[in-house]
């Protein structure tokens, strides 16, 4: 087991650490962290609206339209938030103006985005 751990530390970890410190991958990771509040809030509403208990389902039936608006709104904005966050973080990592990077990535997202 000790030989295996030494192999991991000496052979496997150096290239993985190099990949993990890539500016672009770090920007994607940090930019996607900005989407977590939307993911969590949408997930809470999704769970509340879909608890598989018949009495709960009957109780929530009048409120399902409001809950689905909250779920669709929070999950629908995740792609926009990720575009803003990744552009912001990448510009910051490249020592550029972060707000301009966020704005440029948002404009590129809106130009390329095609609603289905």
PDB file of N, CA and C in Angstrom:
ATOM      1  N   UNK A   1       0.827  -1.196   0.000  1.00  0.00           N
ATOM      2  CA  UNK A   1       0.000   0.000   0.000  1.00  0.00           C
ATOM      3  C   UNK A   1       0.871   1.259   0.000  1.00  0.00           C
ATOM      4  N   UNK A   2       2.001   1.178   0.721  1.00  0.00           N
ATOM      5  CA  UNK A   2       2.894   2.331   0.774  1.00  0.00           C
ATOM      6  C   UNK A   2       3.486   2.639  -0.604  1.00  0.00           C
ATOM      7  N   UNK A   3       3.809   1.584  -1.366  1.00  0.00           N
ATOM      8  CA  UNK A   3       4.335   1.796  -2.718  1.00  0.00           C
ATOM      9  C   UNK A   3       3.295   2.464  -3.608  1.00  0.00           C
ATOM     10  N   UNK A   4       2.050   2.057  -3.447  1.00  0.00           N
ATOM     11  CA  UNK A   4       0.971   2.652  -4.240  1.00  0.00           C
ATOM     12  C   UNK A   4       0.808   4.132  -3.906  1.00  0.00           C
ATOM     13  N   UNK A   5       0.841   4.477  -2.626  1.00  0.00           N
ATOM     14  CA  UNK A   5       0.708   5.876  -2.217  1.00  0.00           C
ATOM     15  C   UNK A   5       1.897   6.703  -2.704  1.00  0.00           C
ATOM     16  N   UNK A   6       3.106   6.131  -2.651  1.00  0.00           N
ATOM     17  CA  UNK A   6       4.290   6.827  -3.175  1.00  0.00           C
ATOM     18  C   UNK A   6       4.154   7.050  -4.684  1.00  0.00           C
ATOM     19  N   UNK A   7       3.637   6.047  -5.403  1.00  0.00           N
ATOM     20  CA  UNK A   7       3.448   6.190  -6.837  1.00  0.00           C
ATOM     21  C   UNK A   7       2.457   7.307  -7.140  1.00  0.00           C
ATOM     22  N   UNK A   8       1.370   7.352  -6.371  1.00  0.00           N
ATOM     23  CA  UNK A   8       0.376   8.405  -6.579  1.00  0.00           C
ATOM     24  C   UNK A   8       1.007   9.776  -6.348  1.00  0.00           C
ATOM     25  N   UNK A   9       1.761   9.927  -5.254  1.00  0.00           N
ATOM     26  CA  UNK A   9       2.347  11.231  -4.931  1.00  0.00           C
ATOM     27  C   UNK A   9       3.450  11.628  -5.902  1.00  0.00           C
ATOM     28  N   UNK A  10       4.248  10.675  -6.360  1.00  0.00           N
ATOM     29  CA  UNK A  10       5.410  11.013  -7.182  1.00  0.00           C
ATOM     30  C   UNK A  10       5.127  11.018  -8.685  1.00  0.00           C
ATOM     31  N   UNK A  11       4.190  10.191  -9.127  1.00  0.00           N
ATOM     32  CA  UNK A  11       3.956  10.064 -10.564  1.00  0.00           C
ATOM     33  C   UNK A  11       2.645  10.727 -10.987  1.00  0.00           C
ATOM     34  N   UNK A  12       1.586  10.481 -10.253  1.00  0.00           N
ATOM     35  CA  UNK A  12       0.271  10.922 -10.676  1.00  0.00           C
ATOM     36  C   UNK A  12      -0.048  12.368 -10.281  1.00  0.00           C
ATOM     37  N   UNK A  13       0.363  12.780  -9.105  1.00  0.00           N
ATOM     38  CA  UNK A  13      -0.023  14.098  -8.601  1.00  0.00           C
ATOM     39  C   UNK A  13       0.616  15.286  -9.329  1.00  0.00           C
ATOM     40  N   UNK A  14       1.886  15.252  -9.726  1.00  0.00           N
ATOM     41  CA  UNK A  14       2.462  16.434 -10.396  1.00  0.00           C
ATOM     42  C   UNK A  14       1.726  16.866 -11.670  1.00  0.00           C
ATOM     43  N   UNK A  15       1.403  15.938 -12.604  1.00  0.00           N
ATOM     44  CA  UNK A  15       0.671  16.418 -13.773  1.00  0.00           C
ATOM     45  C   UNK A  15      -0.757  16.871 -13.437  1.00  0.00           C
ATOM     46  N   UNK A  16      -1.397  16.208 -12.479  1.00  0.00           N
ATOM     47  CA  UNK A  16      -2.747  16.622 -12.097  1.00  0.00           C
ATOM     48  C   UNK A  16      -2.735  17.982 -11.409  1.00  0.00           C
ATOM     49  N   UNK A  17      -1.698  18.267 -10.641  1.00  0.00           N
ATOM     50  CA  UNK A  17      -1.584  19.586 -10.005  1.00  0.00           C
ATOM     51  C   UNK A  17      -1.365  20.663 -11.066  1.00  0.00           C
ATOM     52  N   UNK A  18      -0.606  20.329 -12.104  1.00  0.00           N
ATOM     53  CA  UNK A  18      -0.382  21.287 -13.183  1.00  0.00           C
ATOM     54  C   UNK A  18      -1.684  21.599 -13.913  1.00  0.00           C
ATOM     55  N   UNK A  19      -2.487  20.571 -14.168  1.00  0.00           N
ATOM     56  CA  UNK A  19      -3.780  20.769 -14.815  1.00  0.00           C
ATOM     57  C   UNK A  19      -4.710  21.557 -13.893  1.00  0.00           C
ATOM     58  N   UNK A  20      -4.664  21.249 -12.596  1.00  0.00           N
ATOM     59  CA  UNK A  20      -5.531  21.931 -11.640  1.00  0.00           C
ATOM     60  C   UNK A  20      -5.200  23.396 -11.451  1.00  0.00           C
ATOM     61  N   UNK A  21      -4.012  23.820 -11.817  1.00  0.00           N
ATOM     62  CA  UNK A  21      -3.614  25.218 -11.686  1.00  0.00           C
ATOM     63  C   UNK A  21      -3.723  25.997 -12.998  1.00  0.00           C
ATOM     64  N   UNK A  22      -4.313  25.376 -14.014  1.00  0.00           N
ATOM     65  CA  UNK A  22      -4.516  26.036 -15.294  1.00  0.00           C
ATOM     66  C   UNK A  22      -5.457  27.223 -15.099  1.00  0.00           C
ATOM     67  N   UNK A  23      -5.077  28.397 -15.626  1.00  0.00           N
ATOM     68  CA  UNK A  23      -5.873  29.619 -15.430  1.00  0.00           C
ATOM     69  C   UNK A  23      -7.295  29.474 -15.942  1.00  0.00           C
ATOM     70  N   UNK A  24      -7.453  28.805 -17.056  1.00  0.00           N
ATOM     71  CA  UNK A  24      -8.770  28.693 -17.670  1.00  0.00           C
ATOM     72  C   UNK A  24      -9.666  27.741 -16.883  1.00  0.00           C
ATOM     73  N   UNK A  25      -9.102  26.627 -16.429  1.00  0.00           N
ATOM     74  CA  UNK A  25      -9.891  25.687 -15.630  1.00  0.00           C
ATOM     75  C   UNK A  25     -10.238  26.263 -14.266  1.00  0.00           C
ATOM     76  N   UNK A  26      -9.327  27.025 -13.689  1.00  0.00           N
ATOM     77  CA  UNK A  26      -9.611  27.686 -12.408  1.00  0.00           C
ATOM     78  C   UNK A  26     -10.727  28.714 -12.590  1.00  0.00           C
ATOM     79  N   UNK A  27     -10.715  29.424 -13.714  1.00  0.00           N
ATOM     80  CA  UNK A  27     -11.771  30.409 -13.981  1.00  0.00           C
ATOM     81  C   UNK A  27     -13.122  29.726 -14.152  1.00  0.00           C
ATOM     82  N   UNK A  28     -13.149  28.588 -14.835  1.00  0.00           N
ATOM     83  CA  UNK A  28     -14.411  27.852 -14.989  1.00  0.00           C
ATOM     84  C   UNK A  28     -14.900  27.371 -13.636  1.00  0.00           C
ATOM     85  N   UNK A  29     -14.006  26.817 -12.827  1.00  0.00           N
ATOM     86  CA  UNK A  29     -14.395  26.330 -11.498  1.00  0.00           C
ATOM     87  C   UNK A  29     -14.944  27.455 -10.633  1.00  0.00           C
ATOM     88  N   UNK A  30     -14.214  28.556 -10.558  1.00  0.00           N
ATOM     89  CA  UNK A  30     -14.647  29.674  -9.716  1.00  0.00           C
ATOM     90  C   UNK A  30     -15.895  30.362 -10.276  1.00  0.00           C
ATOM     91  N   UNK A  31     -16.011  30.401 -11.590  1.00  0.00           N
ATOM     92  CA  UNK A  31     -17.193  31.010 -12.190  1.00  0.00           C
ATOM     93  C   UNK A  31     -18.450  30.196 -11.942  1.00  0.00           C
ATOM     94  N   UNK A  32     -18.324  28.882 -11.952  1.00  0.00           N
ATOM     95  CA  UNK A  32     -19.481  28.036 -11.699  1.00  0.00           C
ATOM     96  C   UNK A  32     -19.902  28.054 -10.231  1.00  0.00           C
ATOM     97  N   UNK A  33     -19.002  28.446  -9.354  1.00  0.00           N
ATOM     98  CA  UNK A  33     -19.366  28.576  -7.941  1.00  0.00           C
ATOM     99  C   UNK A  33     -20.415  29.666  -7.769  1.00  0.00           C
ATOM    100  N   UNK A  34     -20.408  30.658  -8.649  1.00  0.00           N
ATOM    101  CA  UNK A  34     -21.394  31.744  -8.561  1.00  0.00           C
ATOM    102  C   UNK A  34     -22.812  31.258  -8.819  1.00  0.00           C
ATOM    103  N   UNK A  35     -22.969  30.094  -9.445  1.00  0.00           N
ATOM    104  CA  UNK A  35     -24.306  29.581  -9.730  1.00  0.00           C
ATOM    105  C   UNK A  35     -24.912  28.827  -8.555  1.00  0.00           C
ATOM    106  N   UNK A  36     -24.133  28.549  -7.529  1.00  0.00           N
ATOM    107  CA  UNK A  36     -24.636  27.736  -6.417  1.00  0.00           C
ATOM    108  C   UNK A  36     -25.872  28.300  -5.723  1.00  0.00           C
ATOM    109  N   UNK A  37     -25.984  29.602  -5.458  1.00  0.00           N
ATOM    110  CA  UNK A  37     -27.224  30.083  -4.834  1.00  0.00           C
ATOM    111  C   UNK A  37     -28.464  29.806  -5.673  1.00  0.00           C
ATOM    112  N   UNK A  38     -28.373  29.948  -6.988  1.00  0.00           N
ATOM    113  CA  UNK A  38     -29.519  29.663  -7.848  1.00  0.00           C
ATOM    114  C   UNK A  38     -29.838  28.170  -7.852  1.00  0.00           C
ATOM    115  N   UNK A  39     -28.814  27.344  -7.851  1.00  0.00           N
ATOM    116  CA  UNK A  39     -29.032  25.897  -7.824  1.00  0.00           C
ATOM    117  C   UNK A  39     -29.691  25.483  -6.517  1.00  0.00           C
ATOM    118  N   UNK A  40     -29.198  26.009  -5.410  1.00  0.00           N
ATOM    119  CA  UNK A  40     -29.748  25.635  -4.106  1.00  0.00           C
ATOM    120  C   UNK A  40     -31.181  26.122  -3.953  1.00  0.00           C
ATOM    121  N   UNK A  41     -31.454  27.370  -4.312  1.00  0.00           N
ATOM    122  CA  UNK A  41     -32.819  27.876  -4.150  1.00  0.00           C
ATOM    123  C   UNK A  41     -33.793  27.137  -5.061  1.00  0.00           C
ATOM    124  N   UNK A  42     -33.409  26.869  -6.287  1.00  0.00           N
ATOM    125  CA  UNK A  42     -34.280  26.112  -7.181  1.00  0.00           C
ATOM    126  C   UNK A  42     -34.504  24.698  -6.699  1.00  0.00           C
ATOM    127  N   UNK A  43     -33.474  24.093  -6.132  1.00  0.00           N
ATOM    128  CA  UNK A  43     -33.604  22.727  -5.628  1.00  0.00           C
ATOM    129  C   UNK A  43     -34.532  22.661  -4.424  1.00  0.00           C
ATOM    130  N   UNK A  44     -34.477  23.667  -3.570  1.00  0.00           N
ATOM    131  CA  UNK A  44     -35.375  23.691  -2.409  1.00  0.00           C
ATOM    132  C   UNK A  44     -36.832  23.740  -2.868  1.00  0.00           C
ATOM    133  N   UNK A  45     -37.145  24.617  -3.811  1.00  0.00           N
ATOM    134  CA  UNK A  45     -38.508  24.698  -4.322  1.00  0.00           C
ATOM    135  C   UNK A  45     -38.912  23.416  -5.057  1.00  0.00           C
ATOM    136  N   UNK A  46     -37.971  22.822  -5.773  1.00  0.00           N
ATOM    137  CA  UNK A  46     -38.263  21.581  -6.483  1.00  0.00           C
ATOM    138  C   UNK A  46     -38.586  20.450  -5.518  1.00  0.00           C
ATOM    139  N   UNK A  47     -37.834  20.358  -4.435  1.00  0.00           N
ATOM    140  CA  UNK A  47     -38.093  19.327  -3.428  1.00  0.00           C
ATOM    141  C   UNK A  47     -39.416  19.576  -2.723  1.00  0.00           C
ATOM    142  N   UNK A  48     -39.670  20.829  -2.343  1.00  0.00           N
ATOM    143  CA  UNK A  48     -40.924  21.151  -1.653  1.00  0.00           C
ATOM    144  C   UNK A  48     -42.134  20.807  -2.530  1.00  0.00           C
ATOM    145  N   UNK A  49     -42.045  21.071  -3.794  1.00  0.00           N
ATOM    146  CA  UNK A  49     -43.171  20.820  -4.686  1.00  0.00           C
ATOM    147  C   UNK A  49     -43.364  19.378  -5.078  1.00  0.00           C
ATOM    148  N   UNK A  50     -42.360  18.526  -4.868  1.00  0.00           N
ATOM    149  CA  UNK A  50     -42.443  17.151  -5.360  1.00  0.00           C
ATOM    150  C   UNK A  50     -42.208  16.101  -4.285  1.00  0.00           C
ATOM    151  N   UNK A  51     -42.597  16.379  -3.066  1.00  0.00           N
ATOM    152  CA  UNK A  51     -42.497  15.365  -2.015  1.00  0.00           C
ATOM    153  C   UNK A  51     -43.549  14.298  -2.310  1.00  0.00           C
ATOM    154  N   UNK A  52     -43.142  13.018  -2.385  1.00  0.00           N
ATOM    155  CA  UNK A  52     -44.088  11.973  -2.825  1.00  0.00           C
ATOM    156  C   UNK A  52     -45.004  11.454  -1.715  1.00  0.00           C
ATOM    157  N   UNK A  53     -45.712  12.344  -1.059  1.00  0.00           N
ATOM    158  CA  UNK A  53     -46.696  11.972  -0.052  1.00  0.00           C
ATOM    159  C   UNK A  53     -48.039  12.481  -0.565  1.00  0.00           C
ATOM    160  N   UNK A  54     -49.026  11.598  -0.702  1.00  0.00           N
ATOM    161  CA  UNK A  54     -50.307  12.030  -1.297  1.00  0.00           C
ATOM    162  C   UNK A  54     -50.954  13.224  -0.591  1.00  0.00           C
ATOM    163  N   UNK A  55     -50.915  13.260   0.726  1.00  0.00           N
ATOM    164  CA  UNK A  55     -51.514  14.393   1.440  1.00  0.00           C
ATOM    165  C   UNK A  55     -50.758  15.682   1.137  1.00  0.00           C
ATOM    166  N   UNK A  56     -49.443  15.614   1.062  1.00  0.00           N
ATOM    167  CA  UNK A  56     -48.632  16.793   0.738  1.00  0.00           C
ATOM    168  C   UNK A  56     -48.906  17.261  -0.690  1.00  0.00           C
ATOM    169  N   UNK A  57     -49.017  16.307  -1.604  1.00  0.00           N
ATOM    170  CA  UNK A  57     -49.295  16.648  -2.998  1.00  0.00           C
ATOM    171  C   UNK A  57     -50.645  17.357  -3.125  1.00  0.00           C
ATOM    172  N   UNK A  58     -51.643  16.861  -2.402  1.00  0.00           N
ATOM    173  CA  UNK A  58     -52.957  17.502  -2.432  1.00  0.00           C
ATOM    174  C   UNK A  58     -52.908  18.891  -1.813  1.00  0.00           C
ATOM    175  N   UNK A  59     -52.137  19.036  -0.735  1.00  0.00           N
ATOM    176  CA  UNK A  59     -52.003  20.335  -0.078  1.00  0.00           C
ATOM    177  C   UNK A  59     -51.299  21.343  -0.973  1.00  0.00           C
ATOM    178  N   UNK A  60     -50.289  20.901  -1.725  1.00  0.00           N
ATOM    179  CA  UNK A  60     -49.479  21.800  -2.547  1.00  0.00           C
ATOM    180  C   UNK A  60     -50.084  22.089  -3.921  1.00  0.00           C
ATOM    181  N   UNK A  61     -51.134  21.372  -4.301  1.00  0.00           N
ATOM    182  CA  UNK A  61     -51.699  21.534  -5.649  1.00  0.00           C
ATOM    183  C   UNK A  61     -52.041  22.983  -6.002  1.00  0.00           C
ATOM    184  N   UNK A  62     -52.657  23.776  -5.115  1.00  0.00           N
ATOM    185  CA  UNK A  62     -52.951  25.170  -5.498  1.00  0.00           C
ATOM    186  C   UNK A  62     -51.709  26.045  -5.658  1.00  0.00           C
ATOM    187  N   UNK A  63     -50.605  25.636  -5.058  1.00  0.00           N
ATOM    188  CA  UNK A  63     -49.387  26.452  -5.073  1.00  0.00           C
ATOM    189  C   UNK A  63     -48.366  25.997  -6.119  1.00  0.00           C
ATOM    190  N   UNK A  64     -48.692  24.964  -6.881  1.00  0.00           N
ATOM    191  CA  UNK A  64     -47.709  24.404  -7.814  1.00  0.00           C
ATOM    192  C   UNK A  64     -47.318  25.380  -8.919  1.00  0.00           C
ATOM    193  N   UNK A  65     -48.217  26.246  -9.334  1.00  0.00           N
ATOM    194  CA  UNK A  65     -47.838  27.195 -10.390  1.00  0.00           C
ATOM    195  C   UNK A  65     -46.789  28.180  -9.873  1.00  0.00           C
ATOM    196  N   UNK A  66     -46.939  28.635  -8.637  1.00  0.00           N
ATOM    197  CA  UNK A  66     -45.946  29.549  -8.060  1.00  0.00           C
ATOM    198  C   UNK A  66     -44.617  28.840  -7.827  1.00  0.00           C
ATOM    199  N   UNK A  67     -44.682  27.595  -7.396  1.00  0.00           N
ATOM    200  CA  UNK A  67     -43.444  26.841  -7.163  1.00  0.00           C
ATOM    201  C   UNK A  67     -42.734  26.569  -8.485  1.00  0.00           C
ATOM    202  N   UNK A  68     -43.486  26.242  -9.521  1.00  0.00           N
ATOM    203  CA  UNK A  68     -42.830  25.983 -10.807  1.00  0.00           C
ATOM    204  C   UNK A  68     -42.223  27.257 -11.395  1.00  0.00           C
ATOM    205  N   UNK A  69     -42.814  28.415 -11.117  1.00  0.00           N
ATOM    206  CA  UNK A  69     -42.204  29.680 -11.551  1.00  0.00           C
ATOM    207  C   UNK A  69     -40.853  29.865 -10.849  1.00  0.00           C
ATOM    208  N   UNK A  70     -40.808  29.585  -9.544  1.00  0.00           N
ATOM    209  CA  UNK A  70     -39.553  29.729  -8.800  1.00  0.00           C
ATOM    210  C   UNK A  70     -38.504  28.742  -9.300  1.00  0.00           C
ATOM    211  N   UNK A  71     -38.907  27.511  -9.571  1.00  0.00           N
ATOM    212  CA  UNK A  71     -37.959  26.499 -10.066  1.00  0.00           C
ATOM    213  C   UNK A  71     -37.450  26.880 -11.449  1.00  0.00           C
ATOM    214  N   UNK A  72     -38.350  27.211 -12.358  1.00  0.00           N
ATOM    215  CA  UNK A  72     -37.931  27.556 -13.723  1.00  0.00           C
ATOM    216  C   UNK A  72     -37.104  28.841 -13.755  1.00  0.00           C
ATOM    217  N   UNK A  73     -37.450  29.785 -12.907  1.00  0.00           N
ATOM    218  CA  UNK A  73     -36.680  31.030 -12.874  1.00  0.00           C
ATOM    219  C   UNK A  73     -35.271  30.829 -12.358  1.00  0.00           C
ATOM    220  N   UNK A  74     -35.137  30.062 -11.295  1.00  0.00           N
ATOM    221  CA  UNK A  74     -33.791  29.870 -10.734  1.00  0.00           C
ATOM    222  C   UNK A  74     -32.942  28.964 -11.620  1.00  0.00           C
ATOM    223  N   UNK A  75     -33.529  27.899 -12.169  1.00  0.00           N
ATOM    224  CA  UNK A  75     -32.742  27.028 -13.043  1.00  0.00           C
ATOM    225  C   UNK A  75     -32.495  27.675 -14.403  1.00  0.00           C
ATOM    226  N   UNK A  76     -33.388  28.533 -14.830  1.00  0.00           N
ATOM    227  CA  UNK A  76     -33.218  29.190 -16.118  1.00  0.00           C
ATOM    228  C   UNK A  76     -32.118  30.227 -16.130  1.00  0.00           C
ATOM    229  N   UNK A  77     -31.810  30.791 -14.983  1.00  0.00           N
ATOM    230  CA  UNK A  77     -30.792  31.837 -14.920  1.00  0.00           C
ATOM    231  C   UNK A  77     -29.390  31.271 -14.688  1.00  0.00           C
ATOM    232  N   UNK A  78     -29.287  29.979 -14.450  1.00  0.00           N
ATOM    233  CA  UNK A  78     -27.981  29.376 -14.137  1.00  0.00           C
ATOM    234  C   UNK A  78     -26.996  29.562 -15.288  1.00  0.00           C
ATOM    235  N   UNK A  79     -27.432  29.381 -16.528  1.00  0.00           N
ATOM    236  CA  UNK A  79     -26.498  29.530 -17.646  1.00  0.00           C
ATOM    237  C   UNK A  79     -26.002  30.963 -17.782  1.00  0.00           C
ATOM    238  N   UNK A  80     -26.875  31.932 -17.552  1.00  0.00           N
ATOM    239  CA  UNK A  80     -26.452  33.329 -17.608  1.00  0.00           C
ATOM    240  C   UNK A  80     -25.479  33.653 -16.481  1.00  0.00           C
ATOM    241  N   UNK A  81     -25.776  33.169 -15.284  1.00  0.00           N
ATOM    242  CA  UNK A  81     -24.862  33.389 -14.164  1.00  0.00           C
ATOM    243  C   UNK A  81     -23.510  32.745 -14.402  1.00  0.00           C
ATOM    244  N   UNK A  82     -23.496  31.559 -14.999  1.00  0.00           N
ATOM    245  CA  UNK A  82     -22.208  30.911 -15.259  1.00  0.00           C
ATOM    246  C   UNK A  82     -21.416  31.679 -16.312  1.00  0.00           C
ATOM    247  N   UNK A  83     -22.075  32.212 -17.329  1.00  0.00           N
ATOM    248  CA  UNK A  83     -21.364  33.013 -18.331  1.00  0.00           C
ATOM    249  C   UNK A  83     -20.766  34.258 -17.693  1.00  0.00           C
ATOM    250  N   UNK A  84     -21.529  34.921 -16.831  1.00  0.00           N
ATOM    251  CA  UNK A  84     -21.021  36.112 -16.145  1.00  0.00           C
ATOM    252  C   UNK A  84     -19.858  35.749 -15.239  1.00  0.00           C
ATOM    253  N   UNK A  85     -20.029  34.682 -14.459  1.00  0.00           N
ATOM    254  CA  UNK A  85     -19.000  34.290 -13.492  1.00  0.00           C
ATOM    255  C   UNK A  85     -17.712  33.840 -14.141  1.00  0.00           C
ATOM    256  N   UNK A  86     -17.811  33.046 -15.198  1.00  0.00           N
ATOM    257  CA  UNK A  86     -16.604  32.560 -15.871  1.00  0.00           C
ATOM    258  C   UNK A  86     -15.867  33.715 -16.539  1.00  0.00           C
ATOM    259  N   UNK A  87     -16.589  34.620 -17.184  1.00  0.00           N
ATOM    260  CA  UNK A  87     -15.936  35.782 -17.794  1.00  0.00           C
ATOM    261  C   UNK A  87     -15.265  36.672 -16.769  1.00  0.00           C
ATOM    262  N   UNK A  88     -15.931  36.870 -15.647  1.00  0.00           N
ATOM    263  CA  UNK A  88     -15.366  37.687 -14.566  1.00  0.00           C
ATOM    264  C   UNK A  88     -14.094  37.058 -14.021  1.00  0.00           C
ATOM    265  N   UNK A  89     -14.165  35.764 -13.703  1.00  0.00           N
ATOM    266  CA  UNK A  89     -13.007  35.087 -13.111  1.00  0.00           C
ATOM    267  C   UNK A  89     -11.847  34.971 -14.088  1.00  0.00           C
ATOM    268  N   UNK A  90     -12.134  34.721 -15.366  1.00  0.00           N
ATOM    269  CA  UNK A  90     -11.047  34.619 -16.340  1.00  0.00           C
ATOM    270  C   UNK A  90     -10.354  35.954 -16.530  1.00  0.00           C
ATOM    271  N   UNK A  91     -11.113  37.026 -16.602  1.00  0.00           N
ATOM    272  CA  UNK A  91     -10.493  38.350 -16.732  1.00  0.00           C
ATOM    273  C   UNK A  91      -9.661  38.667 -15.491  1.00  0.00           C
ATOM    274  N   UNK A  92     -10.158  38.297 -14.333  1.00  0.00           N
ATOM    275  CA  UNK A  92      -9.410  38.535 -13.100  1.00  0.00           C
ATOM    276  C   UNK A  92      -8.115  37.717 -13.084  1.00  0.00           C
ATOM    277  N   UNK A  93      -8.175  36.458 -13.545  1.00  0.00           N
ATOM    278  CA  UNK A  93      -6.978  35.612 -13.578  1.00  0.00           C
ATOM    279  C   UNK A  93      -5.950  36.107 -14.591  1.00  0.00           C
ATOM    280  N   UNK A  94      -6.412  36.742 -15.655  1.00  0.00           N
ATOM    281  CA  UNK A  94      -5.503  37.249 -16.681  1.00  0.00           C
ATOM    282  C   UNK A  94      -5.090  38.694 -16.428  1.00  0.00           C
ATOM    283  N   UNK A  95      -5.392  39.221 -15.245  1.00  0.00           N
ATOM    284  CA  UNK A  95      -5.051  40.589 -14.838  1.00  0.00           C
ATOM    285  C   UNK A  95      -5.653  41.635 -15.771  1.00  0.00           C
ATOM    286  N   UNK A  96      -6.898  41.415 -16.155  1.00  0.00           N
ATOM    287  CA  UNK A  96      -7.649  42.377 -16.948  1.00  0.00           C
ATOM    288  C   UNK A  96      -8.770  42.931 -16.082  1.00  0.00           C
ATOM    289  N   UNK A  97      -9.502  43.902 -16.616  1.00  0.00           N
ATOM    290  CA  UNK A  97     -10.627  44.455 -15.875  1.00  0.00           C
ATOM    291  C   UNK A  97     -11.735  43.405 -15.803  1.00  0.00           C
ATOM    292  N   UNK A  98     -12.072  42.984 -14.580  1.00  0.00           N
ATOM    293  CA  UNK A  98     -12.999  41.880 -14.391  1.00  0.00           C
ATOM    294  C   UNK A  98     -14.412  42.224 -14.836  1.00  0.00           C
ATOM    295  N   UNK A  99     -14.848  43.442 -14.600  1.00  0.00           N
ATOM    296  CA  UNK A  99     -16.202  43.832 -14.996  1.00  0.00           C
ATOM    297  C   UNK A  99     -16.342  43.820 -16.516  1.00  0.00           C
ATOM    298  N   UNK A 100     -15.317  44.282 -17.212  1.00  0.00           N
ATOM    299  CA  UNK A 100     -15.357  44.232 -18.674  1.00  0.00           C
ATOM    300  C   UNK A 100     -15.389  42.792 -19.175  1.00  0.00           C
ATOM    301  N   UNK A 101     -14.655  41.908 -18.513  1.00  0.00           N
ATOM    302  CA  UNK A 101     -14.679  40.491 -18.886  1.00  0.00           C
ATOM    303  C   UNK A 101     -16.046  39.881 -18.677  1.00  0.00           C
ATOM    304  N   UNK A 102     -16.689  40.230 -17.571  1.00  0.00           N
ATOM    305  CA  UNK A 102     -18.039  39.721 -17.308  1.00  0.00           C
ATOM    306  C   UNK A 102     -19.026  40.257 -18.337  1.00  0.00           C
ATOM    307  N   UNK A 103     -18.908  41.537 -18.662  1.00  0.00           N
ATOM    308  CA  UNK A 103     -19.810  42.126 -19.653  1.00  0.00           C
ATOM    309  C   UNK A 103     -19.614  41.537 -21.039  1.00  0.00           C
ATOM    310  N   UNK A 104     -18.370  41.336 -21.421  1.00  0.00           N
ATOM    311  CA  UNK A 104     -18.090  40.776 -22.734  1.00  0.00           C
ATOM    312  C   UNK A 104     -18.589  39.344 -22.841  1.00  0.00           C
ATOM    313  N   UNK A 105     -18.370  38.553 -21.799  1.00  0.00           N
ATOM    314  CA  UNK A 105     -18.850  37.168 -21.843  1.00  0.00           C
ATOM    315  C   UNK A 105     -20.372  37.117 -21.833  1.00  0.00           C
ATOM    316  N   UNK A 106     -21.014  38.059 -21.148  1.00  0.00           N
ATOM    317  CA  UNK A 106     -22.478  38.107 -21.143  1.00  0.00           C
ATOM    318  C   UNK A 106     -23.006  38.476 -22.523  1.00  0.00           C
ATOM    319  N   UNK A 107     -22.372  39.439 -23.177  1.00  0.00           N
ATOM    320  CA  UNK A 107     -22.802  39.812 -24.527  1.00  0.00           C
ATOM    321  C   UNK A 107     -22.604  38.645 -25.499  1.00  0.00           C
ATOM    322  N   UNK A 108     -21.484  37.948 -25.372  1.00  0.00           N
ATOM    323  CA  UNK A 108     -21.249  36.791 -26.248  1.00  0.00           C
ATOM    324  C   UNK A 108     -22.286  35.702 -25.997  1.00  0.00           C
ATOM    325  N   UNK A 109     -22.655  35.505 -24.738  1.00  0.00           N
ATOM    326  CA  UNK A 109     -23.671  34.510 -24.406  1.00  0.00           C
ATOM    327  C   UNK A 109     -25.018  34.886 -25.016  1.00  0.00           C
ATOM    328  N   UNK A 110     -25.399  36.131 -24.900  1.00  0.00           N
ATOM    329  CA  UNK A 110     -26.700  36.575 -25.425  1.00  0.00           C
ATOM    330  C   UNK A 110     -26.728  36.486 -26.944  1.00  0.00           C
ATOM    331  N   UNK A 111     -25.607  36.776 -27.611  1.00  0.00           N
ATOM    332  CA  UNK A 111     -25.554  36.680 -29.065  1.00  0.00           C
ATOM    333  C   UNK A 111     -25.673  35.233 -29.531  1.00  0.00           C
ATOM    334  N   UNK A 112     -25.014  34.328 -28.835  1.00  0.00           N
ATOM    335  CA  UNK A 112     -24.973  32.923 -29.245  1.00  0.00           C
ATOM    336  C   UNK A 112     -26.201  32.152 -28.791  1.00  0.00           C
ATOM    337  N   UNK A 113     -26.833  32.591 -27.706  1.00  0.00           N
ATOM    338  CA  UNK A 113     -27.958  31.857 -27.104  1.00  0.00           C
ATOM    339  C   UNK A 113     -29.133  31.769 -28.060  1.00  0.00           C
ATOM    340  N   UNK A 114     -29.663  30.565 -28.210  1.00  0.00           N
ATOM    341  CA  UNK A 114     -30.855  30.329 -29.026  1.00  0.00           C
ATOM    342  C   UNK A 114     -31.881  29.606 -28.162  1.00  0.00           C
ATOM    343  N   UNK A 115     -32.948  30.264 -27.788  1.00  0.00           N
ATOM    344  CA  UNK A 115     -33.964  29.560 -26.994  1.00  0.00           C
ATOM    345  C   UNK A 115     -34.649  28.489 -27.828  1.00  0.00           C
ATOM    346  N   UNK A 116     -34.909  27.383 -27.187  1.00  0.00           N
ATOM    347  CA  UNK A 116     -35.547  26.279 -27.929  1.00  0.00           C
ATOM    348  C   UNK A 116     -37.039  26.275 -27.790  1.00  0.00           C
TER     349      UNK A 116
END
